Amino acid sequence: MCSRAPKPPAALLAESIPSVVVQSVDPGHIGVIVGSRADKEVYDPVADWIKNVAMR
């Protein structure tokens, strides 16, 4: 049996795009929404990304 789990499809896609920037967090499925670090680790980076995309 293989000791490594297969990579999620999003990770495989990201690896195939040369200019991609990947940012990941590991707060858990509830922590990503209501965790004490959610603003800094999730919401602020997502808001910045949306602003950057909108400015293109």
PDB file of N, CA and C in Angstrom:
ATOM      1  N   MET A   1       0.852  -1.182   0.000  1.00  0.00           N
ATOM      2  CA  MET A   1       0.000   0.000   0.000  1.00  0.00           C
ATOM      3  C   MET A   1       0.892   1.237   0.000  1.00  0.00           C
ATOM      4  N   CYS A   2       0.504   2.244  -0.758  1.00  0.00           N
ATOM      5  CA  CYS A   2       1.263   3.496  -0.869  1.00  0.00           C
ATOM      6  C   CYS A   2       1.098   4.305   0.417  1.00  0.00           C
ATOM      7  N   SER A   3       2.201   4.843   0.906  1.00  0.00           N
ATOM      8  CA  SER A   3       2.129   5.620   2.143  1.00  0.00           C
ATOM      9  C   SER A   3       1.796   7.080   1.882  1.00  0.00           C
ATOM     10  N   ARG A   4       1.820   7.499   0.631  1.00  0.00           N
ATOM     11  CA  ARG A   4       1.487   8.886   0.291  1.00  0.00           C
ATOM     12  C   ARG A   4       0.092   8.956  -0.303  1.00  0.00           C
ATOM     13  N   ALA A   5      -0.683   9.905   0.185  1.00  0.00           N
ATOM     14  CA  ALA A   5      -2.010  10.123  -0.393  1.00  0.00           C
ATOM     15  C   ALA A   5      -1.840  10.893  -1.700  1.00  0.00           C
ATOM     16  N   PRO A   6      -2.721  10.676  -2.649  1.00  0.00           N
ATOM     17  CA  PRO A   6      -2.620  11.428  -3.903  1.00  0.00           C
ATOM     18  C   PRO A   6      -2.847  12.920  -3.654  1.00  0.00           C
ATOM     19  N   LYS A   7      -2.232  13.739  -4.494  1.00  0.00           N
ATOM     20  CA  LYS A   7      -2.404  15.184  -4.360  1.00  0.00           C
ATOM     21  C   LYS A   7      -3.816  15.576  -4.776  1.00  0.00           C
ATOM     22  N   PRO A   8      -4.359  16.584  -4.101  1.00  0.00           N
ATOM     23  CA  PRO A   8      -5.681  17.069  -4.498  1.00  0.00           C
ATOM     24  C   PRO A   8      -5.621  17.664  -5.909  1.00  0.00           C
ATOM     25  N   PRO A   9      -6.729  17.632  -6.638  1.00  0.00           N
ATOM     26  CA  PRO A   9      -6.736  18.169  -8.001  1.00  0.00           C
ATOM     27  C   PRO A   9      -6.264  19.623  -8.092  1.00  0.00           C
ATOM     28  N   ALA A  10      -6.592  20.444  -7.117  1.00  0.00           N
ATOM     29  CA  ALA A  10      -6.166  21.850  -7.170  1.00  0.00           C
ATOM     30  C   ALA A  10      -4.641  21.960  -7.125  1.00  0.00           C
ATOM     31  N   ALA A  11      -3.988  21.113  -6.337  1.00  0.00           N
ATOM     32  CA  ALA A  11      -2.520  21.134  -6.264  1.00  0.00           C
ATOM     33  C   ALA A  11      -1.906  20.689  -7.583  1.00  0.00           C
ATOM     34  N   LEU A  12      -2.486  19.692  -8.203  1.00  0.00           N
ATOM     35  CA  LEU A  12      -1.991  19.229  -9.498  1.00  0.00           C
ATOM     36  C   LEU A  12      -2.159  20.313 -10.554  1.00  0.00           C
ATOM     37  N   LEU A  13      -3.278  21.001 -10.532  1.00  0.00           N
ATOM     38  CA  LEU A  13      -3.508  22.085 -11.477  1.00  0.00           C
ATOM     39  C   LEU A  13      -2.506  23.206 -11.252  1.00  0.00           C
ATOM     40  N   ALA A  14      -2.295  23.579 -10.006  1.00  0.00           N
ATOM     41  CA  ALA A  14      -1.351  24.651  -9.692  1.00  0.00           C
ATOM     42  C   ALA A  14       0.051  24.317 -10.182  1.00  0.00           C
ATOM     43  N   GLU A  15       0.458  23.075 -10.061  1.00  0.00           N
ATOM     44  CA  GLU A  15       1.786  22.665 -10.511  1.00  0.00           C
ATOM     45  C   GLU A  15       1.936  22.779 -12.023  1.00  0.00           C
ATOM     46  N   SER A  16       0.842  22.741 -12.741  1.00  0.00           N
ATOM     47  CA  SER A  16       0.912  22.782 -14.205  1.00  0.00           C
ATOM     48  C   SER A  16       0.897  24.208 -14.756  1.00  0.00           C
ATOM     49  N   ILE A  17       0.723  25.210 -13.901  1.00  0.00           N
ATOM     50  CA  ILE A  17       0.669  26.607 -14.342  1.00  0.00           C
ATOM     51  C   ILE A  17       1.954  27.297 -13.901  1.00  0.00           C
ATOM     52  N   PRO A  18       2.814  27.688 -14.853  1.00  0.00           N
ATOM     53  CA  PRO A  18       4.134  28.229 -14.502  1.00  0.00           C
ATOM     54  C   PRO A  18       4.104  29.480 -13.621  1.00  0.00           C
ATOM     55  N   SER A  19       3.168  30.372 -13.821  1.00  0.00           N
ATOM     56  CA  SER A  19       3.194  31.641 -13.086  1.00  0.00           C
ATOM     57  C   SER A  19       2.276  31.662 -11.867  1.00  0.00           C
ATOM     58  N   VAL A  20       1.809  30.522 -11.464  1.00  0.00           N
ATOM     59  CA  VAL A  20       0.849  30.471 -10.360  1.00  0.00           C
ATOM     60  C   VAL A  20       1.511  30.816  -9.020  1.00  0.00           C
ATOM     61  N   VAL A  21       0.734  31.464  -8.168  1.00  0.00           N
ATOM     62  CA  VAL A  21       1.146  31.723  -6.794  1.00  0.00           C
ATOM     63  C   VAL A  21       0.176  30.957  -5.904  1.00  0.00           C
ATOM     64  N   VAL A  22       0.708  30.070  -5.100  1.00  0.00           N
ATOM     65  CA  VAL A  22      -0.135  29.242  -4.241  1.00  0.00           C
ATOM     66  C   VAL A  22       0.016  29.710  -2.800  1.00  0.00           C
ATOM     67  N   GLN A  23      -1.096  29.899  -2.163  1.00  0.00           N
ATOM     68  CA  GLN A  23      -1.097  30.231  -0.742  1.00  0.00           C
ATOM     69  C   GLN A  23      -2.041  29.258  -0.071  1.00  0.00           C
ATOM     70  N   SER A  24      -1.555  28.590   0.950  1.00  0.00           N
ATOM     71  CA  SER A  24      -2.412  27.635   1.637  1.00  0.00           C
ATOM     72  C   SER A  24      -2.394  27.899   3.136  1.00  0.00           C
ATOM     73  N   VAL A  25      -3.463  27.519   3.767  1.00  0.00           N
ATOM     74  CA  VAL A  25      -3.593  27.649   5.220  1.00  0.00           C
ATOM     75  C   VAL A  25      -4.052  26.301   5.756  1.00  0.00           C
ATOM     76  N   ASP A  26      -3.843  26.089   7.023  1.00  0.00           N
ATOM     77  CA  ASP A  26      -4.239  24.827   7.627  1.00  0.00           C
ATOM     78  C   ASP A  26      -4.954  25.050   8.954  1.00  0.00           C
ATOM     79  N   PRO A  27      -5.998  25.875   8.962  1.00  0.00           N
ATOM     80  CA  PRO A  27      -6.690  26.123  10.221  1.00  0.00           C
ATOM     81  C   PRO A  27      -7.817  25.147  10.522  1.00  0.00           C
ATOM     82  N   GLY A  28      -8.130  24.259   9.597  1.00  0.00           N
ATOM     83  CA  GLY A  28      -9.268  23.361   9.796  1.00  0.00           C
ATOM     84  C   GLY A  28     -10.511  23.954   9.152  1.00  0.00           C
ATOM     85  N   HIS A  29     -11.517  23.134   8.947  1.00  0.00           N
ATOM     86  CA  HIS A  29     -12.682  23.591   8.192  1.00  0.00           C
ATOM     87  C   HIS A  29     -13.536  24.612   8.933  1.00  0.00           C
ATOM     88  N   ILE A  30     -13.504  24.638  10.242  1.00  0.00           N
ATOM     89  CA  ILE A  30     -14.226  25.667  10.994  1.00  0.00           C
ATOM     90  C   ILE A  30     -13.322  26.867  11.260  1.00  0.00           C
ATOM     91  N   GLY A  31     -12.074  26.594  11.587  1.00  0.00           N
ATOM     92  CA  GLY A  31     -11.124  27.665  11.875  1.00  0.00           C
ATOM     93  C   GLY A  31     -10.918  28.616  10.720  1.00  0.00           C
ATOM     94  N   VAL A  32     -11.049  28.122   9.496  1.00  0.00           N
ATOM     95  CA  VAL A  32     -10.863  28.980   8.335  1.00  0.00           C
ATOM     96  C   VAL A  32     -11.944  30.069   8.294  1.00  0.00           C
ATOM     97  N   ILE A  33     -13.072  29.839   8.895  1.00  0.00           N
ATOM     98  CA  ILE A  33     -14.170  30.811   8.895  1.00  0.00           C
ATOM     99  C   ILE A  33     -14.196  31.645  10.168  1.00  0.00           C
ATOM    100  N   VAL A  34     -14.055  31.015  11.325  1.00  0.00           N
ATOM    101  CA  VAL A  34     -14.249  31.735  12.591  1.00  0.00           C
ATOM    102  C   VAL A  34     -13.026  31.726  13.496  1.00  0.00           C
ATOM    103  N   GLY A  35     -11.915  31.184  13.036  1.00  0.00           N
ATOM    104  CA  GLY A  35     -10.723  31.116  13.876  1.00  0.00           C
ATOM    105  C   GLY A  35     -10.164  32.481  14.207  1.00  0.00           C
ATOM    106  N   SER A  36      -9.387  32.558  15.264  1.00  0.00           N
ATOM    107  CA  SER A  36      -8.828  33.837  15.704  1.00  0.00           C
ATOM    108  C   SER A  36      -7.847  34.413  14.690  1.00  0.00           C
ATOM    109  N   ARG A  37      -7.281  33.566  13.826  1.00  0.00           N
ATOM    110  CA  ARG A  37      -6.341  34.053  12.814  1.00  0.00           C
ATOM    111  C   ARG A  37      -6.969  34.120  11.424  1.00  0.00           C
ATOM    112  N   ALA A  38      -8.270  33.881  11.332  1.00  0.00           N
ATOM    113  CA  ALA A  38      -8.928  33.835  10.020  1.00  0.00           C
ATOM    114  C   ALA A  38      -8.780  35.141   9.251  1.00  0.00           C
ATOM    115  N   ASP A  39      -8.926  36.281   9.927  1.00  0.00           N
ATOM    116  CA  ASP A  39      -8.787  37.562   9.226  1.00  0.00           C
ATOM    117  C   ASP A  39      -7.415  37.682   8.576  1.00  0.00           C
ATOM    118  N   LYS A  40      -6.393  37.441   9.365  1.00  0.00           N
ATOM    119  CA  LYS A  40      -5.015  37.628   8.881  1.00  0.00           C
ATOM    120  C   LYS A  40      -4.604  36.554   7.875  1.00  0.00           C
ATOM    121  N   GLU A  41      -4.992  35.319   8.103  1.00  0.00           N
ATOM    122  CA  GLU A  41      -4.509  34.212   7.281  1.00  0.00           C
ATOM    123  C   GLU A  41      -5.416  33.864   6.105  1.00  0.00           C
ATOM    124  N   VAL A  42      -6.686  34.259   6.175  1.00  0.00           N
ATOM    125  CA  VAL A  42      -7.614  33.871   5.113  1.00  0.00           C
ATOM    126  C   VAL A  42      -8.263  35.094   4.461  1.00  0.00           C
ATOM    127  N   TYR A  43      -9.012  35.851   5.230  1.00  0.00           N
ATOM    128  CA  TYR A  43      -9.804  36.930   4.642  1.00  0.00           C
ATOM    129  C   TYR A  43      -8.953  38.034   4.025  1.00  0.00           C
ATOM    130  N   ASP A  44      -7.917  38.497   4.723  1.00  0.00           N
ATOM    131  CA  ASP A  44      -7.076  39.568   4.158  1.00  0.00           C
ATOM    132  C   ASP A  44      -6.380  39.137   2.871  1.00  0.00           C
ATOM    133  N   PRO A  45      -5.747  37.949   2.830  1.00  0.00           N
ATOM    134  CA  PRO A  45      -5.135  37.530   1.559  1.00  0.00           C
ATOM    135  C   PRO A  45      -6.145  37.352   0.427  1.00  0.00           C
ATOM    136  N   VAL A  46      -7.329  36.846   0.726  1.00  0.00           N
ATOM    137  CA  VAL A  46      -8.344  36.673  -0.317  1.00  0.00           C
ATOM    138  C   VAL A  46      -8.806  38.045  -0.813  1.00  0.00           C
ATOM    139  N   ALA A  47      -9.034  38.979   0.095  1.00  0.00           N
ATOM    140  CA  ALA A  47      -9.447  40.327  -0.306  1.00  0.00           C
ATOM    141  C   ALA A  47      -8.369  40.994  -1.156  1.00  0.00           C
ATOM    142  N   ASP A  48      -7.104  40.844  -0.768  1.00  0.00           N
ATOM    143  CA  ASP A  48      -6.008  41.404  -1.563  1.00  0.00           C
ATOM    144  C   ASP A  48      -5.973  40.784  -2.957  1.00  0.00           C
ATOM    145  N   TRP A  49      -6.167  39.483  -3.041  1.00  0.00           N
ATOM    146  CA  TRP A  49      -6.159  38.802  -4.332  1.00  0.00           C
ATOM    147  C   TRP A  49      -7.293  39.326  -5.218  1.00  0.00           C
ATOM    148  N   ILE A  50      -8.481  39.488  -4.647  1.00  0.00           N
ATOM    149  CA  ILE A  50      -9.614  39.998  -5.420  1.00  0.00           C
ATOM    150  C   ILE A  50      -9.323  41.414  -5.914  1.00  0.00           C
ATOM    151  N   LYS A  51      -8.754  42.250  -5.059  1.00  0.00           N
ATOM    152  CA  LYS A  51      -8.407  43.621  -5.478  1.00  0.00           C
ATOM    153  C   LYS A  51      -7.403  43.603  -6.623  1.00  0.00           C
ATOM    154  N   ASN A  52      -6.390  42.738  -6.528  1.00  0.00           N
ATOM    155  CA  ASN A  52      -5.375  42.646  -7.584  1.00  0.00           C
ATOM    156  C   ASN A  52      -5.982  42.172  -8.896  1.00  0.00           C
ATOM    157  N   VAL A  53      -6.861  41.210  -8.837  1.00  0.00           N
ATOM    158  CA  VAL A  53      -7.500  40.709 -10.054  1.00  0.00           C
ATOM    159  C   VAL A  53      -8.395  41.792 -10.656  1.00  0.00           C
ATOM    160  N   ALA A  54      -9.098  42.524  -9.816  1.00  0.00           N
ATOM    161  CA  ALA A  54      -9.998  43.565 -10.311  1.00  0.00           C
ATOM    162  C   ALA A  54      -9.226  44.722 -10.955  1.00  0.00           C
ATOM    163  N   MET A  55      -7.977  44.942 -10.544  1.00  0.00           N
ATOM    164  CA  MET A  55      -7.185  46.053 -11.074  1.00  0.00           C
ATOM    165  C   MET A  55      -6.552  45.714 -12.419  1.00  0.00           C
ATOM    166  N   ARG A  56      -6.606  44.480 -12.868  1.00  0.00           N
ATOM    167  CA  ARG A  56      -5.985  44.092 -14.154  1.00  0.00           C
ATOM    168  C   ARG A  56      -6.782  44.597 -15.316  1.00  0.00           C
TER     169      ARG A  56
END
